[in-house]
Structures are given as structure tokens and as C-alpha cells.
Amino acid sequence: MNQYIDIGVNFTNKSLMQDIDGVLQRASTSGVKQMVVTGTTLEESEAAITLCAHYPKQLVCTAGVHPHHASEWSNNSAEDLKSLASKPCVRAIGETGLDFNRNYSPQNIQIDVFHQQLSIACDLYKPLFTHQRNKKKNF
């Protein structure tokens, strides 16, 4: 049987949290041996890290702030993200990027937060898990 890795699991979503054991069992039966839980806010990144501690053989995660949530970024966010991303189960920074289609956060804030997360990824030698929709040509 082939073995797979699911790279974008939203286990911090309440609908999935109700049956994590079942989801993990069904995934394993289908050949999915590891899953990457997506961090889209600092709080969800922390929840993803907690889940990884409970299921260390099956779960790893990302830590980051999705462009929809960029306006939630504060003066402490960069240091908080660095701290979260330093955990061994965190394999990438993200989900980060730009979403100029829906603009839930202003574009200039999305760009600034994206740049800050790029810097954190470089500092920690971590890859990015990115989201991009309708970005400007030059930012």
C-alpha cells in the first residue's frame, strides 16, 4: 500500500476536533501515515502544537498567521511566533501569505505580516507554508 502525508489538516477546526481519533484511524487505514496540522493564528498554532504532543507519531504542524488574520498581529506577535515555531513538532512557518481577493485584513498589513513571517522563517531555518490569492505584482 502507498503511504501518504497530508500537508494541510485543519484539526483545530471544531468540527474535526470532535473525532480526531476516528479521523486519524481512517487516515491511517487509507495509507496516510503523517499529517501536518495547519496553524492559521497564534492561538491555533498553539492548539496544533498541543495536538502534536498527544499524537507525536502521526502529527506535526505549522505555526503562523494566515493573511485573513493579519490584522490580529500585534507588537508581541513576532516573538510569540518565534517561540511557538521553535518547538520540534513545528516544521514550517505558516500558513502565511497574501490574499487580496477577500481582503479580510488590509493589504498593507498583510504585506507587513508576511514580511515579518518570512524573516522568522529565515531566522529559524524553516520552510514556509504559503497561501496566495490575487497578490499585487510588486510588494
N, C-alpha and C. Protein backbone atom coordinates (compact mmCIF):
# COMPACT_ATOMS: atom_id res chain seq x y z
N MET A 1 0.84 -1.18 0.00
CA MET A 1 0.00 0.00 0.00
C MET A 1 0.89 1.25 0.00
N ASN A 2 0.48 2.25 -0.76
CA ASN A 2 1.19 3.52 -0.76
C ASN A 2 1.03 4.21 0.58
N GLN A 3 2.03 5.02 0.93
CA GLN A 3 1.96 5.82 2.15
C GLN A 3 1.95 7.29 1.77
N TYR A 4 1.13 8.05 2.47
CA TYR A 4 0.94 9.46 2.15
C TYR A 4 1.14 10.33 3.37
N ILE A 5 1.39 11.63 3.08
CA ILE A 5 1.43 12.67 4.11
C ILE A 5 0.42 13.73 3.68
N ASP A 6 -0.50 14.07 4.55
CA ASP A 6 -1.46 15.14 4.29
C ASP A 6 -0.85 16.42 4.83
N ILE A 7 -0.61 17.41 3.97
CA ILE A 7 0.15 18.59 4.39
C ILE A 7 -0.71 19.76 4.83
N GLY A 8 -2.02 19.63 4.86
CA GLY A 8 -2.85 20.77 5.25
C GLY A 8 -4.09 20.37 6.02
N VAL A 9 -3.91 19.89 7.22
CA VAL A 9 -5.04 19.42 8.02
C VAL A 9 -5.47 20.51 8.99
N ASN A 10 -6.75 20.81 9.00
CA ASN A 10 -7.28 21.86 9.87
C ASN A 10 -7.90 21.24 11.13
N PHE A 11 -7.10 20.49 11.86
CA PHE A 11 -7.59 19.82 13.07
C PHE A 11 -8.01 20.79 14.16
N THR A 12 -7.60 22.03 14.08
CA THR A 12 -8.03 22.97 15.11
C THR A 12 -9.45 23.47 14.85
N ASN A 13 -10.05 23.06 13.74
CA ASN A 13 -11.44 23.36 13.45
C ASN A 13 -12.32 22.51 14.36
N LYS A 14 -13.30 23.12 15.00
CA LYS A 14 -14.14 22.43 15.99
C LYS A 14 -14.82 21.18 15.44
N SER A 15 -15.21 21.19 14.17
CA SER A 15 -15.90 20.03 13.62
C SER A 15 -14.99 18.81 13.54
N LEU A 16 -13.70 19.02 13.31
CA LEU A 16 -12.77 17.89 13.25
C LEU A 16 -12.29 17.48 14.64
N MET A 17 -12.23 18.42 15.57
CA MET A 17 -11.73 18.10 16.90
C MET A 17 -12.64 17.11 17.63
N GLN A 18 -13.88 17.01 17.21
CA GLN A 18 -14.82 16.11 17.87
C GLN A 18 -14.51 14.65 17.62
N ASP A 19 -13.75 14.35 16.56
CA ASP A 19 -13.49 12.95 16.22
C ASP A 19 -12.05 12.75 15.74
N ILE A 20 -11.10 13.34 16.43
CA ILE A 20 -9.71 13.24 15.99
C ILE A 20 -9.24 11.79 15.95
N ASP A 21 -9.55 11.01 16.97
CA ASP A 21 -9.13 9.61 16.97
C ASP A 21 -9.68 8.87 15.75
N GLY A 22 -10.95 9.10 15.44
CA GLY A 22 -11.57 8.46 14.28
C GLY A 22 -10.94 8.92 12.97
N VAL A 23 -10.70 10.21 12.85
CA VAL A 23 -10.08 10.75 11.63
C VAL A 23 -8.68 10.16 11.45
N LEU A 24 -7.91 10.11 12.53
CA LEU A 24 -6.56 9.55 12.45
C LEU A 24 -6.59 8.07 12.08
N GLN A 25 -7.53 7.34 12.64
CA GLN A 25 -7.64 5.91 12.32
C GLN A 25 -8.02 5.70 10.86
N ARG A 26 -9.02 6.45 10.38
CA ARG A 26 -9.44 6.31 8.98
C ARG A 26 -8.31 6.72 8.04
N ALA A 27 -7.59 7.77 8.39
CA ALA A 27 -6.47 8.21 7.56
C ALA A 27 -5.40 7.13 7.49
N SER A 28 -5.06 6.56 8.64
CA SER A 28 -4.04 5.52 8.68
C SER A 28 -4.45 4.30 7.84
N THR A 29 -5.70 3.92 7.95
CA THR A 29 -6.23 2.79 7.18
C THR A 29 -6.14 3.07 5.68
N SER A 30 -6.23 4.34 5.30
CA SER A 30 -6.17 4.73 3.89
C SER A 30 -4.75 4.99 3.40
N GLY A 31 -3.76 4.82 4.28
CA GLY A 31 -2.37 4.99 3.89
C GLY A 31 -1.76 6.32 4.26
N VAL A 32 -2.52 7.19 4.93
CA VAL A 32 -1.98 8.48 5.37
C VAL A 32 -1.27 8.24 6.69
N LYS A 33 0.04 8.29 6.67
CA LYS A 33 0.83 7.94 7.86
C LYS A 33 1.21 9.15 8.70
N GLN A 34 1.19 10.34 8.09
CA GLN A 34 1.50 11.54 8.86
C GLN A 34 0.68 12.69 8.31
N MET A 35 0.34 13.62 9.22
CA MET A 35 -0.44 14.80 8.84
C MET A 35 0.22 16.04 9.42
N VAL A 36 0.13 17.13 8.64
CA VAL A 36 0.66 18.42 9.07
C VAL A 36 -0.55 19.29 9.44
N VAL A 37 -0.67 19.60 10.73
CA VAL A 37 -1.76 20.43 11.21
C VAL A 37 -1.40 21.89 10.94
N THR A 38 -2.32 22.61 10.31
CA THR A 38 -2.06 23.98 9.89
C THR A 38 -2.35 24.97 11.00
N GLY A 39 -1.37 25.84 11.28
CA GLY A 39 -1.56 26.95 12.21
C GLY A 39 -1.92 28.19 11.42
N THR A 40 -3.08 28.78 11.69
CA THR A 40 -3.52 29.96 10.95
C THR A 40 -3.61 31.21 11.81
N THR A 41 -3.51 31.03 13.11
CA THR A 41 -3.42 32.14 14.07
C THR A 41 -2.43 31.68 15.14
N LEU A 42 -2.01 32.58 15.98
CA LEU A 42 -1.12 32.17 17.07
C LEU A 42 -1.83 31.18 17.99
N GLU A 43 -3.12 31.42 18.26
CA GLU A 43 -3.87 30.52 19.13
C GLU A 43 -4.03 29.14 18.50
N GLU A 44 -4.35 29.11 17.21
CA GLU A 44 -4.49 27.81 16.54
C GLU A 44 -3.15 27.12 16.40
N SER A 45 -2.09 27.88 16.24
CA SER A 45 -0.75 27.28 16.19
C SER A 45 -0.42 26.61 17.51
N GLU A 46 -0.77 27.26 18.60
CA GLU A 46 -0.55 26.68 19.92
C GLU A 46 -1.40 25.43 20.10
N ALA A 47 -2.65 25.46 19.63
CA ALA A 47 -3.51 24.28 19.71
C ALA A 47 -2.95 23.14 18.86
N ALA A 48 -2.38 23.47 17.70
CA ALA A 48 -1.78 22.45 16.84
C ALA A 48 -0.60 21.79 17.54
N ILE A 49 0.21 22.58 18.23
CA ILE A 49 1.35 22.03 18.98
C ILE A 49 0.87 21.09 20.08
N THR A 50 -0.19 21.46 20.75
CA THR A 50 -0.77 20.60 21.79
C THR A 50 -1.25 19.28 21.20
N LEU A 51 -1.92 19.34 20.05
CA LEU A 51 -2.37 18.11 19.38
C LEU A 51 -1.19 17.22 19.01
N CYS A 52 -0.13 17.83 18.52
CA CYS A 52 1.06 17.06 18.14
C CYS A 52 1.65 16.33 19.34
N ALA A 53 1.58 16.95 20.51
CA ALA A 53 2.09 16.29 21.73
C ALA A 53 1.26 15.06 22.07
N HIS A 54 -0.02 15.08 21.74
CA HIS A 54 -0.89 13.94 22.02
C HIS A 54 -0.76 12.83 20.97
N TYR A 55 -0.35 13.19 19.76
CA TYR A 55 -0.25 12.23 18.66
C TYR A 55 1.09 12.39 17.94
N PRO A 56 2.20 12.22 18.65
CA PRO A 56 3.51 12.54 18.07
C PRO A 56 3.93 11.67 16.89
N LYS A 57 3.38 10.48 16.77
CA LYS A 57 3.76 9.61 15.65
C LYS A 57 3.02 9.97 14.36
N GLN A 58 1.86 10.62 14.51
CA GLN A 58 1.05 10.91 13.33
C GLN A 58 1.00 12.39 12.96
N LEU A 59 1.25 13.28 13.92
CA LEU A 59 1.06 14.69 13.65
C LEU A 59 2.33 15.52 13.83
N VAL A 60 2.54 16.44 12.91
CA VAL A 60 3.46 17.56 13.03
C VAL A 60 2.63 18.78 12.64
N CYS A 61 3.21 19.98 12.73
CA CYS A 61 2.37 21.15 12.45
C CYS A 61 3.17 22.31 11.88
N THR A 62 2.43 23.35 11.54
CA THR A 62 3.00 24.63 11.16
C THR A 62 2.58 25.64 12.23
N ALA A 63 3.24 26.78 12.25
CA ALA A 63 2.87 27.87 13.15
C ALA A 63 2.94 29.16 12.35
N GLY A 64 1.86 29.90 12.35
CA GLY A 64 1.86 31.14 11.59
C GLY A 64 0.54 31.86 11.67
N VAL A 65 0.48 32.96 10.91
CA VAL A 65 -0.72 33.79 10.86
C VAL A 65 -1.15 33.93 9.39
N HIS A 66 -2.31 33.39 9.10
CA HIS A 66 -2.91 33.44 7.76
C HIS A 66 -3.20 34.90 7.40
N PRO A 67 -3.14 35.26 6.11
CA PRO A 67 -3.41 36.65 5.74
C PRO A 67 -4.79 37.15 6.17
N HIS A 68 -5.77 36.26 6.28
CA HIS A 68 -7.09 36.70 6.76
C HIS A 68 -7.01 37.25 8.18
N HIS A 69 -6.03 36.77 8.95
CA HIS A 69 -5.89 37.16 10.35
C HIS A 69 -4.74 38.14 10.58
N ALA A 70 -4.18 38.68 9.51
CA ALA A 70 -3.01 39.56 9.64
C ALA A 70 -3.30 40.78 10.52
N SER A 71 -4.52 41.27 10.52
CA SER A 71 -4.85 42.45 11.33
C SER A 71 -4.85 42.14 12.82
N GLU A 72 -4.77 40.85 13.20
CA GLU A 72 -4.66 40.45 14.60
C GLU A 72 -3.22 40.51 15.10
N TRP A 73 -2.26 40.71 14.20
CA TRP A 73 -0.84 40.77 14.53
C TRP A 73 -0.60 41.96 15.45
N SER A 74 0.18 41.76 16.51
CA SER A 74 0.47 42.83 17.46
C SER A 74 1.98 42.99 17.64
N ASN A 75 2.37 43.89 18.50
CA ASN A 75 3.79 44.12 18.77
C ASN A 75 4.48 42.87 19.30
N ASN A 76 3.77 42.00 19.99
CA ASN A 76 4.36 40.79 20.58
C ASN A 76 4.29 39.58 19.66
N SER A 77 3.58 39.68 18.55
CA SER A 77 3.32 38.50 17.72
C SER A 77 4.58 37.85 17.17
N ALA A 78 5.54 38.64 16.74
CA ALA A 78 6.76 38.05 16.17
C ALA A 78 7.48 37.20 17.20
N GLU A 79 7.64 37.71 18.40
CA GLU A 79 8.31 36.93 19.45
C GLU A 79 7.48 35.71 19.85
N ASP A 80 6.17 35.87 19.91
CA ASP A 80 5.30 34.73 20.24
C ASP A 80 5.41 33.65 19.16
N LEU A 81 5.42 34.07 17.90
CA LEU A 81 5.53 33.10 16.82
C LEU A 81 6.89 32.41 16.84
N LYS A 82 7.95 33.16 17.08
CA LYS A 82 9.28 32.54 17.17
C LYS A 82 9.31 31.47 18.27
N SER A 83 8.71 31.78 19.39
CA SER A 83 8.67 30.83 20.50
C SER A 83 7.90 29.56 20.11
N LEU A 84 6.74 29.74 19.51
CA LEU A 84 5.95 28.58 19.08
C LEU A 84 6.69 27.78 18.02
N ALA A 85 7.26 28.48 17.06
CA ALA A 85 7.91 27.81 15.93
C ALA A 85 9.20 27.09 16.32
N SER A 86 9.70 27.37 17.49
CA SER A 86 10.91 26.69 17.97
C SER A 86 10.64 25.29 18.49
N LYS A 87 9.37 24.93 18.66
CA LYS A 87 9.02 23.59 19.13
C LYS A 87 9.39 22.56 18.07
N PRO A 88 9.87 21.39 18.47
CA PRO A 88 10.31 20.38 17.50
C PRO A 88 9.23 19.91 16.53
N CYS A 89 7.97 19.92 16.94
CA CYS A 89 6.91 19.44 16.05
C CYS A 89 6.53 20.45 14.98
N VAL A 90 6.99 21.70 15.11
CA VAL A 90 6.68 22.73 14.12
C VAL A 90 7.68 22.62 12.98
N ARG A 91 7.18 22.28 11.81
CA ARG A 91 8.05 22.02 10.67
C ARG A 91 8.12 23.15 9.67
N ALA A 92 7.20 24.14 9.78
CA ALA A 92 7.20 25.25 8.82
C ALA A 92 6.51 26.46 9.44
N ILE A 93 6.77 27.62 8.86
CA ILE A 93 6.09 28.86 9.24
C ILE A 93 4.91 29.04 8.28
N GLY A 94 3.75 29.24 8.85
CA GLY A 94 2.56 29.44 8.04
C GLY A 94 1.33 28.83 8.69
N GLU A 95 0.33 29.03 8.22
CA GLU A 95 0.06 29.40 6.85
C GLU A 95 0.15 30.92 6.74
N THR A 96 1.02 31.38 5.93
CA THR A 96 1.23 32.81 5.73
C THR A 96 1.12 33.14 4.25
N GLY A 97 1.05 34.40 3.93
CA GLY A 97 0.98 34.80 2.54
C GLY A 97 0.15 36.04 2.35
N LEU A 98 -0.47 36.13 1.16
CA LEU A 98 -1.27 37.30 0.79
C LEU A 98 -2.58 36.83 0.19
N ASP A 99 -3.67 37.47 0.58
CA ASP A 99 -4.98 37.19 0.00
C ASP A 99 -5.66 38.52 -0.30
N PHE A 100 -5.46 38.99 -1.53
CA PHE A 100 -6.03 40.27 -1.94
C PHE A 100 -7.37 40.08 -2.64
N ASN A 101 -7.91 38.89 -2.59
CA ASN A 101 -9.23 38.62 -3.14
C ASN A 101 -10.30 38.99 -2.12
N ARG A 102 -10.15 38.48 -0.93
CA ARG A 102 -11.16 38.70 0.10
C ARG A 102 -10.84 39.89 1.00
N ASN A 103 -9.56 40.18 1.17
CA ASN A 103 -9.12 41.34 1.95
C ASN A 103 -9.77 41.41 3.34
N TYR A 104 -9.77 40.29 4.05
CA TYR A 104 -10.26 40.31 5.44
C TYR A 104 -9.36 41.17 6.31
N SER A 105 -8.10 41.28 5.94
CA SER A 105 -7.16 42.21 6.56
C SER A 105 -6.67 43.15 5.47
N PRO A 106 -6.40 44.42 5.82
CA PRO A 106 -5.93 45.37 4.80
C PRO A 106 -4.65 44.88 4.13
N GLN A 107 -4.51 45.18 2.85
CA GLN A 107 -3.38 44.69 2.07
C GLN A 107 -2.04 45.11 2.65
N ASN A 108 -1.90 46.35 3.10
CA ASN A 108 -0.61 46.79 3.64
C ASN A 108 -0.25 46.01 4.91
N ILE A 109 -1.24 45.65 5.70
CA ILE A 109 -0.98 44.85 6.91
C ILE A 109 -0.60 43.42 6.51
N GLN A 110 -1.30 42.86 5.53
CA GLN A 110 -0.94 41.52 5.05
C GLN A 110 0.52 41.48 4.60
N ILE A 111 0.93 42.49 3.85
CA ILE A 111 2.31 42.54 3.34
C ILE A 111 3.30 42.62 4.49
N ASP A 112 3.02 43.48 5.45
CA ASP A 112 3.92 43.63 6.59
C ASP A 112 4.04 42.34 7.40
N VAL A 113 2.92 41.72 7.69
CA VAL A 113 2.92 40.48 8.47
C VAL A 113 3.61 39.36 7.68
N PHE A 114 3.38 39.30 6.38
CA PHE A 114 4.06 38.31 5.54
C PHE A 114 5.56 38.50 5.60
N HIS A 115 6.03 39.75 5.48
CA HIS A 115 7.46 40.02 5.56
C HIS A 115 8.03 39.60 6.92
N GLN A 116 7.32 39.89 7.98
CA GLN A 116 7.79 39.51 9.31
C GLN A 116 7.89 37.99 9.45
N GLN A 117 6.91 37.27 8.90
CA GLN A 117 6.97 35.81 8.98
C GLN A 117 8.07 35.24 8.09
N LEU A 118 8.33 35.88 6.95
CA LEU A 118 9.47 35.47 6.12
C LEU A 118 10.78 35.60 6.91
N SER A 119 10.91 36.69 7.63
CA SER A 119 12.10 36.92 8.45
C SER A 119 12.24 35.86 9.53
N ILE A 120 11.14 35.52 10.17
CA ILE A 120 11.16 34.48 11.21
C ILE A 120 11.57 33.14 10.60
N ALA A 121 11.02 32.84 9.45
CA ALA A 121 11.38 31.57 8.78
C ALA A 121 12.88 31.53 8.48
N CYS A 122 13.42 32.64 8.02
CA CYS A 122 14.86 32.70 7.75
C CYS A 122 15.66 32.54 9.03
N ASP A 123 15.25 33.24 10.08
CA ASP A 123 15.96 33.16 11.36
C ASP A 123 15.98 31.74 11.92
N LEU A 124 14.89 31.01 11.74
CA LEU A 124 14.76 29.67 12.31
C LEU A 124 15.09 28.55 11.31
N TYR A 125 15.47 28.93 10.08
CA TYR A 125 15.78 27.95 9.03
C TYR A 125 14.61 27.00 8.80
N LYS A 126 13.42 27.57 8.72
CA LYS A 126 12.21 26.76 8.48
C LYS A 126 11.61 27.15 7.13
N PRO A 127 11.01 26.18 6.45
CA PRO A 127 10.31 26.50 5.20
C PRO A 127 9.00 27.23 5.49
N LEU A 128 8.38 27.72 4.43
CA LEU A 128 7.09 28.40 4.53
C LEU A 128 5.97 27.52 4.03
N PHE A 129 4.83 27.63 4.67
CA PHE A 129 3.58 27.06 4.15
C PHE A 129 2.75 28.27 3.76
N THR A 130 2.60 28.49 2.44
CA THR A 130 2.06 29.76 1.98
C THR A 130 0.66 29.65 1.40
N HIS A 131 0.01 30.79 1.45
CA HIS A 131 -1.31 31.00 0.87
C HIS A 131 -1.20 32.23 0.00
N GLN A 132 -1.68 32.17 -1.22
CA GLN A 132 -1.63 33.33 -2.11
C GLN A 132 -2.88 33.35 -2.96
N ARG A 133 -3.53 34.51 -2.97
CA ARG A 133 -4.68 34.69 -3.84
C ARG A 133 -4.71 36.16 -4.26
N ASN A 134 -4.63 36.40 -5.57
CA ASN A 134 -4.72 37.75 -6.16
C ASN A 134 -3.74 38.74 -5.56
N LYS A 135 -2.48 38.38 -5.48
CA LYS A 135 -1.48 39.30 -4.92
C LYS A 135 -1.16 40.41 -5.92
N LYS A 136 -0.63 41.50 -5.41
CA LYS A 136 -0.15 42.57 -6.28
C LYS A 136 1.09 42.09 -6.99
N LYS A 137 1.42 42.70 -8.13
CA LYS A 137 2.63 42.31 -8.85
C LYS A 137 3.88 42.67 -8.09
N ASN A 138 3.92 43.82 -7.44
CA ASN A 138 5.09 44.24 -6.68
C ASN A 138 4.67 44.58 -5.27
N PHE A 139 5.29 43.97 -4.34
CA PHE A 139 5.00 44.30 -2.94
C PHE A 139 6.28 44.43 -2.21
